[in-house]
Protein backbone atom coordinates (compact mmCIF):
# COMPACT_ATOMS: atom_id res chain seq x y z
CA UNK A 1 98.95 104.36 88.10
CA UNK A 2 102.71 104.51 88.62
CA UNK A 3 103.95 106.18 91.81
CA UNK A 4 105.59 109.58 91.47
CA UNK A 5 109.38 109.32 91.56
CA UNK A 6 110.70 112.55 93.16
CA UNK A 7 114.28 111.67 92.18
CA UNK A 8 113.35 111.32 88.49
CA UNK A 9 111.34 114.57 88.64
CA UNK A 10 114.28 116.44 90.20
CA UNK A 11 116.63 114.98 87.59
CA UNK A 12 114.38 116.04 84.73
CA UNK A 13 113.83 119.52 86.17
CA UNK A 14 117.58 120.01 86.55
CA UNK A 15 118.27 118.73 83.01
CA UNK A 16 115.56 120.86 81.37
CA UNK A 17 116.52 124.08 83.11
CA UNK A 18 120.22 123.60 82.50
CA UNK A 19 119.52 122.68 78.86
CA UNK A 20 117.52 125.89 78.40
CA UNK A 21 120.30 127.97 79.93
CA UNK A 22 122.97 126.25 77.84
CA UNK A 23 120.80 126.96 74.79
CA UNK A 24 120.46 130.67 75.58
CA UNK A 25 124.15 131.00 76.44
CA UNK A 26 125.45 129.34 73.30
CA UNK A 27 123.00 131.17 71.08
CA UNK A 28 125.03 134.25 72.08
CA UNK A 29 128.21 132.59 70.87
CA UNK A 30 126.43 131.49 67.69
CA UNK A 31 125.58 135.09 66.85
CA UNK A 32 128.88 136.52 68.11
CA UNK A 33 131.54 134.21 66.65
CA UNK A 34 130.87 134.32 62.89
CA UNK A 35 129.37 137.79 62.61
CA UNK A 36 131.04 139.96 65.27
CA UNK A 37 134.16 140.23 63.03
CA UNK A 38 131.89 141.45 60.22
CA UNK A 39 130.42 144.07 62.58
CA UNK A 40 133.96 145.18 63.43
CA UNK A 41 134.83 145.39 59.74
CA UNK A 42 131.69 147.44 59.11
CA UNK A 43 132.83 149.80 61.86
CA UNK A 44 136.03 150.40 59.88
CA UNK A 45 138.55 148.23 61.76
CA UNK A 46 141.41 146.64 59.78
CA UNK A 47 142.48 142.96 60.28
CA UNK A 48 145.15 143.84 62.85
CA UNK A 49 142.64 145.75 65.02
CA UNK A 50 140.00 143.06 64.47
CA UNK A 51 142.44 140.48 65.84
CA UNK A 52 143.20 142.65 68.87
CA UNK A 53 139.50 143.23 69.61
CA UNK A 54 138.61 139.56 69.14
CA UNK A 55 141.43 138.62 71.51
CA UNK A 56 139.89 140.70 74.32
CA UNK A 57 137.54 137.95 75.59
CA UNK A 58 140.32 135.38 75.61
CA UNK A 59 142.61 137.88 77.33
CA UNK A 60 139.91 138.48 79.95
CA UNK A 61 139.92 134.77 80.71
CA UNK A 62 143.45 135.12 82.03
CA UNK A 63 142.42 137.49 84.81
CA UNK A 64 138.69 137.72 85.41
CA UNK A 65 137.69 134.07 84.99
CA UNK A 66 139.96 132.51 87.67
CA UNK A 67 139.05 135.27 90.11
CA UNK A 68 135.28 135.10 89.53
CA UNK A 69 135.07 131.30 89.55
CA UNK A 70 137.11 130.97 92.73
CA UNK A 71 135.23 133.81 94.43
CA UNK A 72 131.86 132.21 93.58
CA UNK A 73 133.01 128.77 94.67
CA UNK A 74 134.38 129.89 98.03
CA UNK A 75 131.04 131.55 98.81
CA UNK A 76 128.91 128.68 97.49
CA UNK A 77 127.32 131.17 95.07
CA UNK A 78 127.92 129.63 91.65
CA UNK A 79 124.29 130.02 90.52
CA UNK A 80 124.12 133.60 91.77
CA UNK A 81 127.34 134.37 89.93
CA UNK A 82 125.91 132.92 86.72
CA UNK A 83 122.90 135.24 87.00
CA UNK A 84 124.97 138.35 87.79
CA UNK A 85 127.47 137.75 84.96
CA UNK A 86 124.62 137.18 82.49
CA UNK A 87 122.90 140.45 83.40
CA UNK A 88 126.12 142.47 83.29
CA UNK A 89 127.08 140.94 79.94
CA UNK A 90 123.78 142.16 78.47
CA UNK A 91 124.54 145.70 79.61
CA UNK A 92 128.10 145.48 78.33
CA UNK A 93 127.14 144.45 74.79
CA UNK A 94 124.53 147.20 74.66
CA UNK A 95 127.15 149.79 75.62
CA UNK A 96 129.56 148.34 73.05
CA UNK A 97 127.33 149.61 70.25
CA UNK A 98 127.93 153.19 71.37
CA UNK A 99 131.73 153.05 71.31
CA UNK A 100 133.15 155.45 68.67
CA UNK A 101 136.43 153.83 67.56
CA UNK A 102 138.71 150.78 67.56
CA UNK A 103 140.41 151.53 70.90
CA UNK A 104 137.17 152.24 72.78
CA UNK A 105 135.53 149.15 71.23
CA UNK A 106 138.49 147.03 72.38
CA UNK A 107 138.39 148.46 75.91
CA UNK A 108 134.61 148.13 76.21
CA UNK A 109 134.73 144.53 74.98
CA UNK A 110 137.47 143.79 77.51
CA UNK A 111 135.25 145.10 80.32
CA UNK A 112 132.26 143.18 78.96
CA UNK A 113 134.34 140.03 78.58
CA UNK A 114 135.35 140.19 82.25
CA UNK A 115 131.72 139.45 83.15
CA UNK A 116 130.75 137.45 80.05
CA UNK A 117 133.57 134.89 79.86
CA UNK A 118 133.18 133.52 83.43
CA UNK A 119 129.61 132.43 82.65
CA UNK A 120 130.49 129.28 80.71
CA UNK A 121 133.12 127.87 83.14
CA UNK A 122 130.73 128.61 86.02
CA UNK A 123 127.96 126.79 84.12
CA UNK A 124 130.21 123.86 83.27
CA UNK A 125 131.21 123.54 86.93
CA UNK A 126 127.54 123.70 87.94
CA UNK A 127 126.75 121.09 85.28
CA UNK A 128 129.46 118.65 86.37
CA UNK A 129 128.30 118.79 89.98
CA UNK A 130 124.65 118.57 88.94
CA UNK A 131 124.99 115.58 86.59
CA UNK A 132 126.88 113.76 89.33
CA UNK A 133 124.27 114.62 91.96
CA UNK A 134 121.31 113.69 89.72
CA UNK A 135 123.06 110.79 87.92
CA UNK A 136 122.43 112.42 84.53
CA UNK A 137 124.51 112.44 81.31
CA UNK A 138 126.32 115.63 80.35
CA UNK A 139 126.34 115.17 76.56
CA UNK A 140 122.55 115.12 75.97
CA UNK A 141 122.18 118.25 78.13
CA UNK A 142 125.05 120.12 76.50
CA UNK A 143 123.81 119.34 72.97
CA UNK A 144 121.03 121.94 73.40
CA UNK A 145 123.72 124.57 73.61
CA UNK A 146 124.93 123.42 70.21
CA UNK A 147 121.38 123.41 68.81
CA UNK A 148 120.94 126.99 69.96
CA UNK A 149 124.35 127.89 68.59
CA UNK A 150 123.05 127.01 65.13
CA UNK A 151 119.93 129.06 65.78
CA UNK A 152 122.13 132.01 66.75
CA UNK A 153 124.24 131.62 63.62
CA UNK A 154 121.18 131.41 61.38
CA UNK A 155 119.46 134.34 63.08
CA UNK A 156 122.55 136.51 62.71
CA UNK A 157 122.93 135.36 59.10
CA UNK A 158 119.34 136.33 58.34
CA UNK A 159 119.84 139.73 59.94
CA UNK A 160 123.16 140.23 58.11
CA UNK A 161 121.41 139.54 54.81
CA UNK A 162 118.59 142.01 55.47
CA UNK A 163 120.09 144.92 57.47
CA UNK A 164 123.33 146.87 57.57
CA UNK A 165 126.20 144.98 59.30
CA UNK A 166 126.47 147.81 61.83
CA UNK A 167 123.20 146.58 63.39
CA UNK A 168 124.44 143.01 64.05
CA UNK A 169 125.46 143.93 67.60
CA UNK A 170 121.78 144.22 68.59
CA UNK A 171 121.19 140.55 67.78
CA UNK A 172 123.87 139.71 70.35
CA UNK A 173 122.33 142.08 72.91
CA UNK A 174 118.86 140.52 72.50
CA UNK A 175 120.11 136.95 72.89
CA UNK A 176 122.25 137.87 75.89
CA UNK A 177 119.13 139.25 77.57
CA UNK A 178 117.40 135.89 76.99
CA UNK A 179 120.35 134.15 78.64
CA UNK A 180 119.98 136.35 81.72
CA UNK A 181 116.28 135.46 81.90
CA UNK A 182 117.08 131.74 81.68
CA UNK A 183 119.65 132.04 84.47
CA UNK A 184 116.86 132.96 86.89
CA UNK A 185 115.46 129.41 86.63
CA UNK A 186 118.64 127.58 87.71
CA UNK A 187 118.38 125.92 91.11
CA UNK A 188 121.30 126.13 93.56
CA UNK A 189 122.94 122.79 94.34
CA UNK A 190 123.62 121.76 97.95
CA UNK A 191 126.86 123.24 99.25
CA UNK A 192 129.71 120.77 99.66
CA UNK A 193 131.73 120.67 102.84
CA UNK A 194 135.29 121.84 102.20
CA UNK A 195 137.69 120.96 105.00
CA UNK A 196 140.76 123.17 105.51
CA UNK A 197 143.08 120.45 104.18
CA UNK A 198 141.04 120.11 101.01
CA UNK A 199 140.96 123.87 100.45
CA UNK A 200 144.74 123.91 100.49
CA UNK A 201 144.79 121.17 97.85
CA UNK A 202 143.30 123.60 95.32
CA UNK A 203 146.66 125.34 95.19
CA UNK A 204 148.14 122.02 94.16
CA UNK A 205 146.03 121.61 91.02
CA UNK A 206 148.73 122.93 88.75
CA UNK A 207 151.27 120.69 90.49
CA UNK A 208 149.44 117.59 89.30
CA UNK A 209 150.97 116.25 86.08
CA UNK A 210 147.61 114.94 84.93
CA UNK A 211 145.85 118.28 85.38
CA UNK A 212 148.66 120.16 83.64
CA UNK A 213 148.48 117.70 80.74
CA UNK A 214 144.74 118.36 80.43
CA UNK A 215 145.37 122.13 80.44
CA UNK A 216 148.10 121.95 77.80
CA UNK A 217 146.31 119.50 75.49
CA UNK A 218 142.92 121.23 75.71
CA UNK A 219 144.53 124.66 75.37
CA UNK A 220 146.40 123.72 72.21
CA UNK A 221 143.46 121.94 70.57
CA UNK A 222 140.81 124.52 71.44
CA UNK A 223 143.27 127.35 70.78
CA UNK A 224 143.84 125.98 67.29
CA UNK A 225 140.36 127.30 66.41
CA UNK A 226 141.73 130.88 66.54
CA UNK A 227 142.04 131.30 62.76
CA UNK A 228 138.59 129.80 62.22
CA UNK A 229 136.83 131.91 64.81
CA UNK A 230 138.60 135.12 63.86
CA UNK A 231 138.97 135.05 60.10
CA UNK A 232 136.96 132.32 58.39
CA UNK A 233 133.92 134.55 57.81
CA UNK A 234 136.11 137.35 56.45
CA UNK A 235 137.98 134.94 54.13
CA UNK A 236 134.76 133.32 52.91
CA UNK A 237 133.16 136.70 52.31
CA UNK A 238 136.22 137.67 50.23
CA UNK A 239 135.75 134.48 48.19
CA UNK A 240 132.24 135.67 47.33
CA UNK A 241 130.25 133.46 49.69
CA UNK A 242 126.95 134.99 50.78
CA UNK A 243 125.97 135.53 54.41
CA UNK A 244 123.58 132.60 54.09
CA UNK A 245 126.35 130.32 52.82
CA UNK A 246 128.62 131.40 55.67
CA UNK A 247 125.83 130.63 58.16
CA UNK A 248 125.33 127.19 56.62
CA UNK A 249 129.06 126.41 56.81
CA UNK A 250 129.12 127.34 60.49
CA UNK A 251 125.94 125.42 61.15
CA UNK A 252 127.08 122.21 59.46
CA UNK A 253 129.96 121.74 61.84
CA UNK A 254 127.71 122.18 64.86
CA UNK A 255 125.16 119.66 63.53
CA UNK A 256 127.91 117.04 63.66
CA UNK A 257 128.79 118.21 67.17
CA UNK A 258 125.16 117.75 68.26
CA UNK A 259 125.11 114.19 66.95
CA UNK A 260 128.31 113.43 68.86
CA UNK A 261 126.93 114.84 72.12
CA UNK A 262 123.71 112.86 71.68
CA UNK A 263 125.47 109.53 71.18
CA UNK A 264 128.51 110.11 73.42
CA UNK A 265 127.07 108.17 76.42
CA UNK A 266 126.82 105.06 74.21
CA UNK A 267 130.41 105.25 72.99
CA UNK A 268 132.03 104.98 76.40
CA UNK A 269 135.44 106.38 75.41
CA UNK A 270 137.94 107.31 78.11
CA UNK A 271 138.47 111.07 78.53
CA UNK A 272 142.02 110.87 77.18
CA UNK A 273 140.75 109.06 74.08
CA UNK A 274 138.28 111.88 73.41
CA UNK A 275 141.10 114.42 73.67
CA UNK A 276 143.37 112.48 71.31
CA UNK A 277 140.54 112.16 68.79
CA UNK A 278 139.85 115.88 69.15
CA UNK A 279 143.45 116.83 68.40
CA UNK A 280 143.74 114.47 65.45
CA UNK A 281 140.43 115.66 63.98
CA UNK A 282 141.42 119.31 64.38
CA UNK A 283 144.81 118.76 62.73
CA UNK A 284 143.15 117.17 59.69
CA UNK A 285 140.46 119.86 59.55
CA UNK A 286 142.88 122.80 59.57
CA UNK A 287 145.31 121.14 57.15
CA UNK A 288 142.51 120.80 54.59
CA UNK A 289 141.16 124.31 55.24
CA UNK A 290 144.64 125.77 54.76
CA UNK A 291 144.77 124.74 51.10
CA UNK A 292 141.78 127.06 50.40
CA UNK A 293 139.54 124.27 49.08
CA UNK A 294 136.39 124.84 47.02
CA UNK A 295 133.00 125.10 48.69
CA UNK A 296 132.19 121.39 48.23
CA UNK A 297 135.32 120.39 50.15
CA UNK A 298 134.61 122.94 52.88
CA UNK A 299 131.15 121.44 53.28
CA UNK A 300 132.69 117.98 53.60
CA UNK A 301 135.31 119.02 56.16
CA UNK A 302 133.08 121.09 58.46
CA UNK A 303 131.71 118.04 60.35
CA UNK A 304 135.21 117.48 61.76
CA UNK A 305 134.16 120.14 64.26
CA UNK A 306 132.53 117.25 66.11
CA UNK A 307 136.06 116.10 66.90
CA UNK A 308 138.04 119.36 67.00
CA UNK A 309 135.60 120.97 69.45
CA UNK A 310 133.08 118.36 70.60
CA UNK A 311 135.42 115.46 71.39
CA UNK A 312 137.89 117.87 73.00
CA UNK A 313 135.16 119.28 75.26
CA UNK A 314 133.92 115.81 76.25
CA UNK A 315 137.47 114.71 77.03
CA UNK A 316 138.18 117.83 79.05
CA UNK A 317 134.97 117.64 81.08
CA UNK A 318 135.38 113.91 81.65
CA UNK A 319 138.97 114.36 82.80
CA UNK A 320 138.04 117.11 85.24
CA UNK A 321 135.13 115.09 86.63
CA UNK A 322 137.53 112.20 87.23
CA UNK A 323 140.40 114.16 88.76
CA UNK A 324 138.87 117.16 90.57
CA UNK A 325 136.64 116.99 93.69
CA UNK A 326 133.25 118.66 93.43
CA UNK A 327 134.10 121.57 95.73
CA UNK A 328 137.00 122.57 93.44
CA UNK A 329 135.35 122.20 90.04
CA UNK A 330 134.70 125.92 89.51
CA UNK A 331 138.30 126.75 90.42
CA UNK A 332 139.55 124.04 88.06
CA UNK A 333 137.29 125.30 85.27
CA UNK A 334 138.54 128.84 85.82
CA UNK A 335 142.17 127.74 85.72
CA UNK A 336 141.57 125.71 82.57
CA UNK A 337 139.70 128.57 80.91
CA UNK A 338 142.53 130.97 81.72
CA UNK A 339 145.17 128.68 80.21
CA UNK A 340 143.08 128.12 77.09
CA UNK A 341 142.50 131.86 76.88
CA UNK A 342 146.25 132.51 76.92
CA UNK A 343 146.79 130.15 74.00
CA UNK A 344 143.76 131.43 72.08
CA UNK A 345 144.60 135.12 72.58
CA UNK A 346 148.17 134.61 71.45
CA UNK A 347 147.12 132.57 68.43
CA UNK A 348 144.43 135.09 67.46
CA UNK A 349 146.81 138.05 67.56
CA UNK A 350 149.42 136.13 65.54
CA UNK A 351 146.76 135.19 62.98
CA UNK A 352 145.78 138.85 62.69
CA UNK A 353 149.40 139.81 62.01
CA UNK A 354 149.83 137.09 59.40
CA UNK A 355 146.43 137.04 57.69
CA UNK A 356 147.08 139.86 55.22
CA UNK A 357 150.37 138.29 54.08
CA UNK A 358 149.55 134.59 54.15
CA UNK A 359 145.76 134.36 53.95
CA UNK A 360 144.33 130.98 54.82
CA UNK A 361 147.80 129.43 55.04
CA UNK A 362 147.63 130.45 58.72
CA UNK A 363 145.54 127.28 59.19
CA UNK A 364 148.69 125.17 58.80
CA UNK A 365 149.94 126.65 62.06
CA UNK A 366 146.62 125.75 63.66
CA UNK A 367 147.01 122.17 62.41
CA UNK A 368 150.44 121.96 64.07
CA UNK A 369 148.98 123.25 67.36
CA UNK A 370 146.21 120.67 67.35
CA UNK A 371 148.60 117.83 66.52
CA UNK A 372 150.84 118.93 69.41
CA UNK A 373 147.85 118.81 71.76
CA UNK A 374 147.00 115.26 70.67
CA UNK A 375 150.64 114.24 71.13
CA UNK A 376 150.76 115.67 74.67
CA UNK A 377 147.68 113.68 75.62
CA UNK A 378 149.03 110.52 73.97
CA UNK A 379 152.26 110.80 75.96
CA UNK A 380 150.55 111.71 79.25
CA UNK A 381 147.55 109.39 78.84
CA UNK A 382 148.36 107.13 81.79
CA UNK A 383 148.91 110.12 84.08
CA UNK A 384 145.58 111.66 83.09
CA UNK A 385 143.61 108.45 83.48
CA UNK A 386 144.90 107.43 86.87
CA UNK A 387 143.01 108.63 89.94
CA UNK A 388 144.69 111.53 91.81
CA UNK A 389 146.33 110.82 95.11
CA UNK A 390 144.05 111.12 98.09
């Protein structure tokens, strides 16, 4: 009989619980991203208002996320903050269903987003510290979020095919409640000592060329998904695609992302390489999507999401783990989320203004954004890869 290894048990317990929470959290996004715009359309909002409403969560990242992440980190209460934000997000989405018009929907989503959007950067910060403490791999844990994302997409697609679109909001509410339940199981990590000198260094994050390069590159590449997240379902519905087909298209790209996360520890790419691959893959993906290809081509191009999103995320997380000390990870995640939110909100609103006139040609602008992000990382690669001073 082999002796019990308490370290291996603790590692597995951490990985399983975090995987479950990632799954519940990204199932929300899976239901929200493709079908929330359809709920807004069913409520009578036009494309310009849809763009404004969809931009609310990314706008909230500019203000609420940096404040919440830093507040939680300074009080060594990251896990508690994850639980509180999850519970409040559930209440917020439930109240959203009762809002009577476009303006009240936008304002209620903004309030909800102020507690919902900090959850993922807080979780990512918790994950980076945890995988370091338990010597675990991030990719195989994070892939369960992608698996659940597909489940959320398919569940929402099934509901959209069987009930009125005005009821789609309740799918989001139900999944958000599951996320809050999963947050209860997360174990706090040991608090890290934070000397006065090191606290002051947090203010210097944005003075580091490497960190700024990560923010700019990740912001441009992830922000280039604005047209896809905001208007792909509407455009595909207009082309006559069924809700089931739309769900499959969204799910295909995440299947490729899951495969990438599963095998990422074996590939051993440097963080900057992941980011460059992410930008290049996104540029190709949006350039093809912009020509309004037939369904067969869309099916073929969807797996590039593994690069446009997956590789970009791996590069971003790897870069932060390399450059940012553990006691500042939540602050760094909040800063990064805010910068990405600025780019995404701006791009989403612009897409809303241009969609009626240019249709899916707006993807060409997204391709240019992604290519710019890859170029920034290519130019600043040596700065990103070198260890920070001190």
